């Protein structure tokens, strides 16, 4: 697979100047938030009230 033009430029700068621009990137390699599944009561509450609004008489 060929390399992109931007990557070629980054590699050229790294070779000639010695400056690694990829180190300046502010990226996090892991998730910073928790994924929490619903409890049994939350699932039951959700199923109970899911379509309740459709059949409501006013």
N, C-alpha and C. Protein backbone atom coordinates (compact mmCIF):
# COMPACT_ATOMS: atom_id res chain seq x y z
N UNK A 1 0.85 -1.18 0.00
CA UNK A 1 0.00 0.00 0.00
C UNK A 1 0.89 1.25 0.00
N UNK A 2 0.55 2.20 -0.80
CA UNK A 2 1.38 3.40 -0.90
C UNK A 2 1.09 4.36 0.26
N UNK A 3 2.02 5.26 0.50
CA UNK A 3 1.88 6.22 1.58
C UNK A 3 1.29 7.52 1.04
N UNK A 4 0.56 8.20 1.91
CA UNK A 4 -0.07 9.44 1.49
C UNK A 4 0.99 10.55 1.36
N UNK A 5 0.61 11.59 0.67
CA UNK A 5 1.52 12.72 0.45
C UNK A 5 1.88 13.39 1.78
N UNK A 6 0.90 13.49 2.68
CA UNK A 6 1.14 14.12 3.98
C UNK A 6 2.13 13.30 4.81
N UNK A 7 1.99 11.97 4.77
CA UNK A 7 2.91 11.13 5.53
C UNK A 7 4.32 11.21 4.96
N UNK A 8 4.42 11.28 3.65
CA UNK A 8 5.74 11.43 3.03
C UNK A 8 6.40 12.74 3.48
N UNK A 9 5.59 13.80 3.56
CA UNK A 9 6.13 15.10 4.01
C UNK A 9 6.57 15.02 5.47
N UNK A 10 5.78 14.35 6.31
CA UNK A 10 6.15 14.20 7.72
C UNK A 10 7.45 13.41 7.87
N UNK A 11 7.58 12.33 7.10
CA UNK A 11 8.80 11.53 7.16
C UNK A 11 10.01 12.33 6.67
N UNK A 12 9.82 13.15 5.66
CA UNK A 12 10.91 13.99 5.14
C UNK A 12 11.36 15.00 6.20
N UNK A 13 10.40 15.64 6.87
CA UNK A 13 10.74 16.61 7.91
C UNK A 13 11.46 15.91 9.06
N UNK A 14 11.01 14.72 9.41
CA UNK A 14 11.65 13.97 10.49
C UNK A 14 13.10 13.61 10.12
N UNK A 15 13.32 13.22 8.88
CA UNK A 15 14.68 12.87 8.43
C UNK A 15 15.60 14.07 8.40
N UNK A 16 15.12 15.17 7.83
CA UNK A 16 16.00 16.32 7.60
C UNK A 16 16.15 17.20 8.83
N UNK A 17 15.04 17.54 9.48
CA UNK A 17 15.09 18.48 10.60
C UNK A 17 15.22 17.73 11.93
N UNK A 18 14.67 16.53 12.00
CA UNK A 18 14.69 15.78 13.25
C UNK A 18 13.49 16.07 14.11
N UNK A 19 12.52 16.79 13.57
CA UNK A 19 11.32 17.17 14.32
C UNK A 19 10.22 16.15 14.03
N UNK A 20 9.72 15.51 15.09
CA UNK A 20 8.65 14.53 14.93
C UNK A 20 7.32 15.19 15.26
N UNK A 21 6.55 15.52 14.24
CA UNK A 21 5.28 16.22 14.44
C UNK A 21 4.21 15.31 15.03
N UNK A 22 4.36 14.02 14.86
CA UNK A 22 3.35 13.09 15.36
C UNK A 22 3.31 13.06 16.89
N UNK A 23 4.37 13.46 17.55
CA UNK A 23 4.40 13.50 19.02
C UNK A 23 3.57 14.65 19.56
N UNK A 24 3.29 15.65 18.74
CA UNK A 24 2.52 16.81 19.19
C UNK A 24 1.02 16.56 19.21
N UNK A 25 0.60 15.44 18.65
CA UNK A 25 -0.83 15.15 18.59
C UNK A 25 -1.37 14.87 19.97
N UNK A 26 -2.55 15.40 20.25
CA UNK A 26 -3.19 15.24 21.55
C UNK A 26 -4.23 14.14 21.47
N UNK A 27 -3.78 12.90 21.38
CA UNK A 27 -4.73 11.80 21.28
C UNK A 27 -4.61 10.88 22.49
N UNK A 28 -5.74 10.32 22.89
CA UNK A 28 -5.79 9.39 24.00
C UNK A 28 -6.11 8.02 23.41
N UNK A 29 -5.33 7.03 23.77
CA UNK A 29 -5.50 5.71 23.17
C UNK A 29 -6.50 4.83 23.91
N UNK A 30 -7.17 5.37 24.92
CA UNK A 30 -8.14 4.58 25.67
C UNK A 30 -9.38 5.41 25.93
N UNK A 31 -10.45 4.75 26.26
CA UNK A 31 -11.72 5.42 26.50
C UNK A 31 -11.66 6.16 27.83
N UNK A 32 -12.15 7.40 27.86
CA UNK A 32 -12.10 8.19 29.09
C UNK A 32 -13.43 8.19 29.83
N UNK A 33 -14.39 7.41 29.38
CA UNK A 33 -15.67 7.33 30.08
C UNK A 33 -16.06 5.87 30.25
N UNK A 34 -16.92 5.63 31.22
CA UNK A 34 -17.36 4.26 31.50
C UNK A 34 -18.64 3.97 30.76
N UNK A 35 -18.74 2.76 30.26
CA UNK A 35 -19.98 2.31 29.65
C UNK A 35 -20.67 1.42 30.68
N UNK A 36 -21.84 1.84 31.11
CA UNK A 36 -22.55 1.12 32.17
C UNK A 36 -23.85 0.58 31.59
N UNK A 37 -24.05 -0.71 31.76
CA UNK A 37 -25.30 -1.29 31.27
C UNK A 37 -26.41 -1.03 32.28
N UNK A 38 -27.65 -1.11 31.80
CA UNK A 38 -28.79 -0.84 32.66
C UNK A 38 -28.98 -1.97 33.66
N UNK A 39 -29.49 -1.62 34.83
CA UNK A 39 -29.82 -2.64 35.82
C UNK A 39 -31.13 -3.31 35.43
N UNK A 40 -31.46 -4.37 36.13
CA UNK A 40 -32.69 -5.10 35.82
C UNK A 40 -33.91 -4.20 36.01
N UNK A 41 -33.92 -3.43 37.08
CA UNK A 41 -35.06 -2.53 37.34
C UNK A 41 -35.16 -1.44 36.27
N UNK A 42 -34.03 -0.92 35.82
CA UNK A 42 -34.07 0.10 34.77
C UNK A 42 -34.60 -0.47 33.46
N UNK A 43 -34.23 -1.71 33.13
CA UNK A 43 -34.75 -2.35 31.92
C UNK A 43 -36.26 -2.57 32.02
N UNK A 44 -36.72 -3.03 33.17
CA UNK A 44 -38.16 -3.26 33.37
C UNK A 44 -38.93 -1.94 33.29
N UNK A 45 -38.39 -0.91 33.90
CA UNK A 45 -39.03 0.41 33.85
C UNK A 45 -39.10 0.94 32.42
N UNK A 46 -38.04 0.73 31.68
CA UNK A 46 -38.00 1.19 30.29
C UNK A 46 -39.04 0.45 29.44
N UNK A 47 -39.09 -0.87 29.59
CA UNK A 47 -40.06 -1.66 28.82
C UNK A 47 -41.49 -1.32 29.19
N UNK A 48 -41.71 -1.01 30.47
CA UNK A 48 -43.06 -0.69 30.93
C UNK A 48 -43.55 0.63 30.36
N UNK A 49 -42.66 1.61 30.27
CA UNK A 49 -43.08 2.95 29.85
C UNK A 49 -42.74 3.27 28.39
N UNK A 50 -42.27 2.28 27.65
CA UNK A 50 -41.76 2.55 26.30
C UNK A 50 -42.85 3.05 25.35
N UNK A 51 -43.96 2.34 25.26
CA UNK A 51 -45.01 2.71 24.31
C UNK A 51 -46.26 3.22 25.04
N UNK A 52 -46.10 3.58 26.27
CA UNK A 52 -47.25 3.99 27.07
C UNK A 52 -47.87 5.29 26.55
N UNK A 53 -47.08 6.17 26.01
CA UNK A 53 -47.58 7.47 25.57
C UNK A 53 -48.50 7.35 24.34
N UNK A 54 -48.35 6.29 23.57
CA UNK A 54 -49.15 6.13 22.36
C UNK A 54 -50.62 5.86 22.67
N UNK A 55 -50.88 5.17 23.78
CA UNK A 55 -52.25 4.73 24.08
C UNK A 55 -52.90 5.57 25.16
N UNK A 56 -52.30 6.68 25.49
CA UNK A 56 -52.83 7.52 26.55
C UNK A 56 -54.07 8.28 26.06
N UNK A 57 -55.16 8.23 26.85
CA UNK A 57 -56.37 8.98 26.51
C UNK A 57 -56.36 10.34 27.17
N UNK A 58 -56.65 11.36 26.42
CA UNK A 58 -56.69 12.72 26.98
C UNK A 58 -58.10 13.24 26.98
